Protein backbone atom coordinates (compact mmCIF):
# COMPACT_ATOMS: atom_id res chain seq x y z
CA MET A 1 -43.50 37.91 90.90
CA ILE A 2 -40.96 40.32 89.29
CA THR A 3 -38.04 38.07 87.43
CA SER A 4 -35.06 38.67 86.10
CA PHE A 5 -32.96 37.75 83.64
CA TYR A 6 -29.53 38.80 82.02
CA MET A 7 -27.00 36.45 79.71
CA PRO A 8 -24.86 38.83 77.95
CA THR A 9 -22.11 36.61 76.54
CA ARG A 10 -22.20 35.54 72.55
CA VAL A 11 -22.54 32.20 71.65
CA ILE A 12 -21.01 29.99 68.65
CA ALA A 13 -21.86 26.86 68.10
CA GLY A 14 -21.35 23.98 65.44
CA HIS A 15 -18.89 22.51 63.68
CA GLY A 16 -15.59 24.53 62.62
CA ALA A 17 -16.57 27.17 64.84
CA LEU A 18 -13.05 27.42 66.63
CA ARG A 19 -11.80 28.32 63.08
CA ARG A 20 -13.61 31.96 63.88
CA ILE A 21 -11.05 32.48 67.27
CA GLY A 22 -9.13 34.61 65.44
CA ALA A 23 -11.20 37.02 63.97
CA LEU A 24 -13.55 37.15 67.35
CA ALA A 25 -10.30 37.74 69.03
CA ARG A 26 -9.75 41.03 67.25
CA GLU A 27 -13.39 42.10 66.69
CA LEU A 28 -13.61 42.45 70.91
CA GLY A 29 -10.48 44.63 70.87
CA MET A 30 -7.51 42.30 71.13
CA THR A 31 -4.34 42.99 70.61
CA ARG A 32 -2.49 40.93 73.67
CA ALA A 33 -3.63 37.23 73.99
CA LEU A 34 -2.97 34.79 76.98
CA VAL A 35 -4.13 31.57 76.18
CA VAL A 36 -5.16 29.47 79.49
CA SER A 37 -5.41 25.71 79.02
CA ASP A 38 -3.95 22.77 80.51
CA PRO A 39 -1.27 19.57 79.58
CA VAL A 40 -3.29 17.33 77.82
CA ILE A 41 -5.37 20.16 76.11
CA SER A 42 -2.48 22.01 74.72
CA ALA A 43 -1.00 19.12 73.17
CA GLN A 44 -4.20 18.76 71.37
CA PRO A 45 -4.31 19.16 67.54
CA PHE A 46 -7.16 21.66 67.98
CA HIS A 47 -5.12 23.67 70.28
CA ALA A 48 -2.44 24.65 68.04
CA GLU A 49 -5.09 25.60 65.32
CA ALA A 50 -6.67 28.07 67.67
CA LEU A 51 -3.09 29.63 68.15
CA ALA A 52 -2.71 30.02 64.46
CA SER A 53 -5.44 31.62 63.98
CA LEU A 54 -5.03 34.06 66.70
CA ALA A 55 -1.53 34.59 65.53
CA GLU A 56 -2.83 35.01 61.48
CA ALA A 57 -5.33 37.80 63.30
CA GLY A 58 -2.37 39.55 64.16
CA LEU A 59 -2.13 38.96 68.31
CA HIS A 60 0.11 38.21 70.31
CA VAL A 61 -0.32 35.67 72.11
CA GLY A 62 1.00 34.34 75.40
CA ARG A 63 0.43 30.94 77.56
CA PHE A 64 0.01 29.51 80.65
CA ASP A 65 -0.94 25.60 80.31
CA GLU A 66 -0.90 24.57 83.88
CA CYS A 67 -4.15 24.46 84.88
CA GLY A 68 -5.17 21.85 87.28
CA ILE A 69 -7.96 19.45 88.27
CA ASP A 70 -9.19 22.69 90.01
CA ALA A 71 -8.72 26.64 89.54
CA ARG A 72 -6.34 27.49 92.20
CA CYS A 73 -5.81 31.55 93.83
CA ALA A 74 -2.46 30.70 93.64
CA HIS A 75 -2.57 30.66 90.27
CA ILE A 76 -4.91 33.19 89.76
CA ASP A 77 -2.95 35.32 91.27
CA ALA A 78 0.73 34.93 89.43
CA GLN A 79 -1.29 34.99 85.85
CA GLY A 80 -3.08 38.15 86.75
CA GLY A 81 0.35 40.17 87.47
CA ARG A 82 1.74 38.74 84.49
CA VAL A 83 -1.25 39.76 82.96
CA ARG A 84 -0.47 43.49 84.53
CA ARG A 85 3.11 43.36 83.58
CA GLU A 86 3.12 41.87 79.85
CA GLY A 87 0.21 44.52 79.37
CA PHE A 88 -2.02 41.76 78.16
CA ASP A 89 -5.44 43.11 77.10
CA GLY A 90 -7.93 39.97 76.62
CA VAL A 91 -8.29 36.18 78.16
CA VAL A 92 -8.73 33.08 76.04
CA CYS A 93 -9.30 30.01 77.48
CA ILE A 94 -9.22 26.55 76.26
CA GLY A 95 -9.90 23.45 78.18
CA GLY A 96 -12.39 22.44 80.91
CA GLY A 97 -14.39 24.22 84.00
CA SER A 98 -11.03 24.07 85.95
CA VAL A 99 -9.28 26.12 82.82
CA MET A 100 -12.26 28.36 82.09
CA CYS A 101 -12.59 29.58 86.05
CA THR A 102 -8.94 30.79 85.90
CA GLY A 103 -9.06 32.15 83.21
CA LYS A 104 -12.13 34.00 84.25
CA GLY A 105 -9.81 34.24 87.47
CA ILE A 106 -7.03 35.46 85.63
CA ALA A 107 -9.05 38.22 83.81
CA ILE A 108 -10.43 39.40 87.25
CA VAL A 109 -7.75 39.42 89.27
CA ALA A 110 -5.88 41.16 86.38
CA THR A 111 -8.26 44.69 86.67
CA ASN A 112 -8.84 44.90 90.09
CA ASP A 113 -5.67 44.00 91.26
CA LYS A 114 -6.38 42.48 94.06
CA PRO A 115 -6.26 38.46 95.21
CA MET A 116 -8.81 36.09 93.61
CA ALA A 117 -9.60 35.49 96.99
CA ALA A 118 -10.15 39.42 97.87
CA CYS A 119 -12.67 38.97 94.88
CA THR A 120 -14.67 35.94 95.77
CA GLY A 121 -18.36 36.28 97.26
CA VAL A 122 -21.43 38.05 94.85
CA GLY A 123 -20.03 41.58 93.52
CA GLY A 124 -16.53 41.44 95.34
CA PHE A 125 -14.86 43.38 93.01
CA ASP A 126 -15.37 46.56 91.00
CA ARG A 127 -13.76 46.80 88.10
CA ARG A 128 -14.79 45.14 84.72
CA ALA A 129 -12.81 41.85 83.98
CA LEU A 130 -10.56 42.20 80.91
CA PRO A 131 -12.08 40.43 77.55
CA MET A 132 -12.85 36.78 77.32
CA ILE A 133 -13.23 34.16 74.75
CA MET A 134 -14.06 31.04 76.07
CA VAL A 135 -13.66 27.08 74.61
CA PRO A 136 -15.14 24.66 76.44
CA THR A 137 -13.05 20.74 76.08
CA THR A 138 -16.22 19.22 77.95
CA ALA A 139 -19.66 19.45 77.84
CA GLY A 140 -20.09 19.68 81.61
CA SER A 141 -19.31 22.95 83.56
CA GLY A 142 -20.53 25.26 81.26
CA SER A 143 -18.39 28.04 82.63
CA GLU A 144 -18.14 29.97 79.28
CA VAL A 145 -21.26 31.53 80.05
CA SER A 146 -21.53 31.83 83.25
CA GLN A 147 -20.56 34.86 85.87
CA TRP A 148 -18.99 32.78 88.31
CA THR A 149 -15.87 31.53 89.02
CA ILE A 150 -15.15 27.98 91.18
CA VAL A 151 -11.72 28.84 93.10
CA LYS A 152 -9.79 26.82 95.94
CA ASP A 153 -7.86 28.30 98.29
CA GLU A 154 -5.33 25.71 98.96
CA GLU A 155 -3.60 27.21 102.30
CA ARG A 156 -7.12 27.34 104.33
CA HIS A 157 -9.43 24.16 102.25
CA LEU A 158 -11.27 26.51 100.96
CA LYS A 159 -14.09 26.55 97.84
CA LEU A 160 -14.85 29.64 96.69
CA LEU A 161 -17.16 31.04 94.02
CA GLY A 162 -16.03 34.92 92.69
CA GLY A 163 -18.61 36.87 90.26
CA GLY A 164 -21.05 39.14 88.88
CA PRO A 165 -21.69 40.53 85.91
CA LEU A 166 -18.52 41.87 85.90
CA SER A 167 -17.28 38.45 85.19
CA PHE A 168 -19.26 37.47 81.95
CA PRO A 169 -17.08 36.36 79.28
CA ASP A 170 -17.58 38.08 76.03
CA ALA A 171 -17.73 35.20 73.84
CA ALA A 172 -17.85 31.65 73.90
CA ILE A 173 -17.38 28.89 71.08
CA LEU A 174 -18.98 25.94 71.10
CA ASP A 175 -16.88 23.86 68.53
CA PRO A 176 -17.64 19.47 68.84
CA VAL A 177 -14.15 18.96 67.68
CA THR A 178 -12.86 19.42 70.94
CA LEU A 179 -14.37 16.76 72.79
CA ARG A 180 -12.76 14.30 70.22
CA SER A 181 -9.69 13.56 72.22
CA LEU A 182 -11.87 13.35 75.54
CA PRO A 183 -11.59 9.97 76.95
CA MET A 184 -15.03 8.42 77.40
CA HIS A 185 -14.77 7.23 81.20
CA VAL A 186 -13.89 11.48 81.80
CA ALA A 187 -16.90 12.31 79.43
CA ALA A 188 -18.64 11.10 82.08
CA LEU A 189 -18.05 13.37 84.82
CA PRO A 190 -18.40 17.03 83.39
CA ALA A 191 -21.59 15.55 81.38
CA VAL A 192 -23.18 14.85 84.96
CA ASP A 193 -22.01 18.35 86.17
CA ALA A 194 -24.03 19.81 83.47
CA LEU A 195 -27.07 17.94 84.44
CA THR A 196 -26.87 18.66 87.93
CA HIS A 197 -27.53 22.37 86.74
CA GLY A 198 -30.45 21.91 84.50
CA VAL A 199 -32.09 20.25 87.08
CA GLU A 200 -31.47 22.71 90.16
CA ALA A 201 -32.43 25.83 88.14
CA TYR A 202 -35.23 24.37 87.84
CA LEU A 203 -35.85 23.72 90.92
CA SER A 204 -34.60 26.48 91.92
CA ALA A 205 -37.56 29.10 94.38
CA ILE A 206 -36.03 32.29 91.98
CA ALA A 207 -36.50 30.00 88.77
CA SER A 208 -38.86 32.20 85.64
CA PRO A 209 -40.31 30.80 82.92
CA ILE A 210 -36.94 31.93 80.61
CA THR A 211 -34.83 29.81 83.27
CA ASP A 212 -37.37 26.80 83.32
CA ALA A 213 -37.66 26.73 79.82
CA LEU A 214 -33.78 26.65 79.38
CA ALA A 215 -33.23 24.08 82.24
CA LEU A 216 -35.63 21.51 81.12
CA GLY A 217 -34.69 22.01 77.45
CA ALA A 218 -30.72 21.68 78.53
CA VAL A 219 -32.18 18.33 80.98
CA ARG A 220 -33.81 16.57 77.68
CA LEU A 221 -31.24 17.15 75.31
CA GLN A 222 -28.67 15.60 78.04
CA TYR A 223 -30.15 12.85 78.73
CA ALA A 224 -31.05 11.60 75.08
CA ALA A 225 -27.80 12.64 74.12
CA LEU A 226 -25.52 11.57 77.06
CA ARG A 227 -24.91 7.89 76.43
CA ALA A 228 -24.48 7.69 72.62
CA SER A 229 -21.87 10.95 73.46
CA ILE A 230 -19.93 8.80 75.71
CA HIS A 231 -20.26 5.76 74.96
CA SER A 232 -20.15 6.49 71.07
CA ASP A 233 -18.25 8.56 68.06
CA ASP A 234 -21.36 9.68 66.95
CA GLU A 235 -20.28 13.37 66.86
CA GLU A 236 -24.15 14.91 66.85
CA ALA A 237 -24.56 13.62 69.98
CA ARG A 238 -21.14 15.32 71.42
CA ALA A 239 -22.38 18.48 70.07
CA ASN A 240 -25.90 18.20 71.59
CA ASN A 241 -24.10 17.44 74.69
CA LEU A 242 -22.07 20.50 74.47
CA VAL A 243 -24.84 22.88 73.64
CA ALA A 244 -26.90 21.25 76.59
CA SER A 245 -24.68 22.36 79.04
CA CYS A 246 -24.45 25.40 77.62
CA MET A 247 -27.99 25.86 78.22
CA ALA A 248 -28.11 24.59 81.90
CA ASN A 249 -25.47 27.59 82.60
CA ILE A 250 -27.11 30.01 81.16
CA ALA A 251 -30.48 28.58 83.30
CA CYS A 252 -28.64 28.26 86.63
CA GLY A 253 -26.79 31.55 85.97
CA ASN A 254 -29.64 33.30 86.53
CA ALA A 255 -32.05 30.82 88.83
CA ARG A 256 -28.91 29.89 90.64
CA LEU A 257 -27.93 26.67 92.30
CA GLY A 258 -29.12 24.33 94.57
CA HIS A 259 -28.51 22.11 97.70
CA GLY A 260 -26.56 19.24 95.48
CA HIS A 261 -24.00 21.88 95.05
CA ALA A 262 -24.63 23.58 98.17
CA LEU A 263 -23.91 20.22 99.97
CA SER A 264 -21.11 19.44 97.58
CA LEU A 265 -19.22 22.40 98.83
CA PRO A 266 -17.53 21.21 101.88
CA LEU A 267 -16.95 17.82 100.69
CA GLU A 268 -14.93 19.15 97.89
CA GLY A 269 -12.78 22.45 100.58
CA GLU A 270 -12.35 19.61 103.30
CA LEU A 271 -12.06 16.32 101.71
CA ASP A 272 -10.68 17.19 98.10
CA LEU A 273 -13.57 14.98 96.59
CA PRO A 274 -13.66 15.96 93.41
CA HIS A 275 -16.43 18.13 91.97
CA PRO A 276 -18.38 16.40 89.65
CA TYR A 277 -19.10 13.06 92.25
CA GLY A 278 -20.37 15.33 95.06
CA VAL A 279 -23.28 16.83 93.10
CA GLY A 280 -23.49 14.22 91.43
CA VAL A 281 -24.66 12.04 94.14
CA LEU A 282 -26.68 13.97 95.73
CA LEU A 283 -28.83 14.77 92.43
CA PRO A 284 -30.69 12.04 92.88
CA HIS A 285 -32.03 13.21 96.82
CA VAL A 286 -31.81 16.55 95.93
CA ILE A 287 -34.58 16.00 93.13
CA ALA A 288 -36.48 13.94 95.63
CA PHE A 289 -36.94 16.59 98.27
CA ASN A 290 -37.20 19.72 96.23
CA LEU A 291 -40.09 17.83 93.81
CA ALA A 292 -42.09 17.00 97.13
CA VAL A 293 -42.92 21.20 97.21
CA LEU A 294 -43.06 21.70 93.60
CA PRO A 295 -46.07 19.44 92.06
CA ALA A 296 -46.30 21.26 88.83
CA LYS A 297 -42.89 20.85 88.00
CA VAL A 298 -42.72 17.06 88.88
CA LYS A 299 -43.94 15.76 85.78
CA PRO A 300 -42.77 18.27 82.89
CA LEU A 301 -39.43 17.34 85.30
CA ALA A 302 -39.78 13.22 85.03
CA GLU A 303 -40.56 13.45 81.30
CA ALA A 304 -37.83 15.35 80.26
CA LEU A 305 -36.01 12.59 82.20
CA GLU A 306 -37.85 9.91 79.59
CA VAL A 307 -40.15 8.40 82.22
CA ASP A 308 -43.35 7.96 81.34
CA THR A 309 -45.79 9.47 83.63
CA THR A 310 -48.86 7.69 82.09
CA GLY A 311 -50.77 6.89 85.16
CA LEU A 312 -48.27 7.63 87.89
CA SER A 313 -48.91 9.34 91.49
CA ARG A 314 -47.06 12.59 91.90
CA ALA A 315 -45.15 10.16 94.15
CA ALA A 316 -44.15 7.75 91.80
CA CYS A 317 -43.09 10.16 89.33
CA ILE A 318 -41.00 11.64 91.43
CA ALA A 319 -39.16 8.05 92.51
CA ALA A 320 -39.29 7.51 88.96
CA ALA A 321 -37.70 10.54 87.96
CA ALA A 322 -34.55 10.18 90.88
CA ASP A 323 -34.31 6.92 89.35
CA ALA A 324 -33.87 7.75 85.72
CA VAL A 325 -30.69 9.81 87.20
CA ARG A 326 -29.41 6.47 88.96
CA ALA A 327 -30.37 4.75 85.55
CA LEU A 328 -28.09 7.15 83.65
CA TYR A 329 -25.24 6.40 85.61
CA ALA A 330 -25.35 2.75 85.56
CA ASP A 331 -24.97 2.95 82.03
CA ILE A 332 -22.40 5.65 82.17
CA ASP A 333 -20.58 3.94 85.13
CA PHE A 334 -20.70 6.60 87.28
CA PRO A 335 -21.39 5.97 91.51
CA THR A 336 -24.57 6.34 93.16
CA ARG A 337 -23.06 6.85 96.67
CA PHE A 338 -19.98 8.04 98.28
CA THR A 339 -17.12 6.10 99.65
CA GLU A 340 -15.98 5.64 103.71
CA ALA A 341 -13.45 7.48 102.35
CA GLN A 342 -14.76 10.18 100.25
CA LEU A 343 -16.73 10.48 103.15
CA PRO A 344 -16.07 9.51 106.79
CA ALA A 345 -19.04 8.52 108.30
CA GLU A 346 -18.29 10.59 111.47
CA ARG A 347 -17.59 13.70 109.62
CA VAL A 348 -21.13 13.01 108.37
CA ARG A 349 -22.80 15.87 110.88
CA GLU A 350 -19.69 18.34 110.65
CA MET A 351 -20.23 18.42 107.04
CA ALA A 352 -23.94 19.30 107.16
CA GLN A 353 -22.76 22.03 109.25
CA ARG A 354 -20.20 23.43 106.79
CA ALA A 355 -22.12 23.56 104.34
CA VAL A 356 -24.73 26.37 106.28
CA PRO A 357 -23.28 29.35 104.10
CA GLY A 358 -24.01 27.76 101.00
CA LEU A 359 -22.48 28.24 97.67
CA TYR A 360 -22.97 31.92 97.42
CA ALA A 361 -21.03 32.85 100.57
CA GLY A 362 -17.25 33.63 99.33
CA ILE A 363 -14.98 34.54 101.75
CA ALA A 364 -17.61 34.97 104.28
CA ALA A 365 -17.57 31.27 104.58
CA HIS A 366 -14.05 31.31 106.54
CA GLY A 367 -15.38 32.80 109.42
CA PHE A 368 -18.38 30.80 110.08
CA ASP A 369 -18.19 28.51 113.01
CA HIS A 370 -19.86 25.39 111.97
CA THR A 371 -20.30 24.09 115.54
CA ALA A 372 -22.70 26.48 116.14
CA ALA A 373 -25.12 25.16 113.60
CA THR A 374 -27.90 22.92 115.50
CA ASP A 375 -30.56 20.37 113.29
CA ARG A 376 -32.68 23.38 112.76
CA THR A 377 -30.50 25.65 111.50
CA ILE A 378 -31.37 26.80 107.89
CA ILE A 379 -28.77 26.08 104.56
CA ALA A 380 -28.40 28.68 102.55
CA CYS A 381 -29.66 27.70 98.94
CA PRO A 382 -32.47 29.58 96.93
CA SER A 383 -34.05 26.02 96.03
CA ALA A 384 -37.63 25.94 96.15
CA ARG A 385 -37.67 24.16 99.80
CA LYS A 386 -35.61 24.83 102.86
CA MET A 387 -33.38 22.38 104.18
CA THR A 388 -31.75 22.04 107.68
CA VAL A 389 -28.69 20.90 109.04
CA ALA A 390 -30.55 17.78 110.15
CA GLN A 391 -31.93 17.04 106.64
CA ALA A 392 -28.48 17.54 105.15
CA GLU A 393 -27.12 15.21 107.90
CA ALA A 394 -29.86 12.73 106.61
CA ILE A 395 -29.40 13.20 103.04
CA PHE A 396 -25.43 12.34 103.63
CA ALA A 397 -26.34 9.78 104.99
CA ARG A 398 -28.32 7.97 102.59
CA CYS A 399 -25.54 8.47 100.17
CA LEU A 400 -23.66 6.07 101.94
CA ALA A 401 -26.02 3.47 102.50
């Protein structure tokens, strides 16, 4: 089998790394940078220090601090136009996944001169995005090293993914100082998202030895650090969590994401379910479903999740791996089931049908007639095991039990 691996983003990690942002921006040729953030992050001391570093390096700085829970097409299109009008030549993102996706979308739209919705799907645009520096403030999405951006089209109630090699960030700065202000109950959400990235990359049909090493390493590092990073002021644990989330996204950026993301997508678009809840609740079921056809990967994944596999059968290892995720959730107060309000029972079938186009369809999913999907229709997904609508429906039902 021929495999491919590509990750051009420069990663700078460690305590004090953020102080290098001004010099890094100059190295990338930026002279006028749009700094993208949200109202909470833009009020933090480290945000002010980053702005000062950019100014000291001689850059003119513009700001957009209005990002919300999701990256929104309306914000991206408006700021992309602003970038063109005001002559910005780089984008600096300081924030969580929605901030980084917003900034990435702005960098794409600015050079391609068309709305974000028209840039979705795989390779939905022709021109290289503006130079980008990403500074994650959650240990979660890993968007700082990803070619992909996930955006919400509010008019059509769709979650859309777009990207390709032309939209990789140029550099990522991982400094644990950015996690200090993150409330513990908030930190759990992006951490679970990152865990799904590592696991789904490992369970992919297009995984390679390179992505497997990164994915397993990320799962192992994060699982060991996650409780301490959320429940204490352990800065080393936070730093490890930040690096693990980056590793996980490098892995899934090449091996792609799986059933958890494919099934969560309609819940997010149609029912406004926050992304981490969707993929997180689905994760134990995704593990059990896919490991059933990956016998050689059962023990390594279980052990990365700190399962003692001594004397366990393959089936017992699979069950223990799924249970290890549930045990983690209990410790960090993350749910294992959807509520009736999050996923009404009468819409379970519809959500399984709407999942058919998969995560990577982009705007093409808008024209899909979900009512034509039958029990045997396969959900478009690169996971190792094919999943039908009937199987997806059964998983949704178990998530409500």
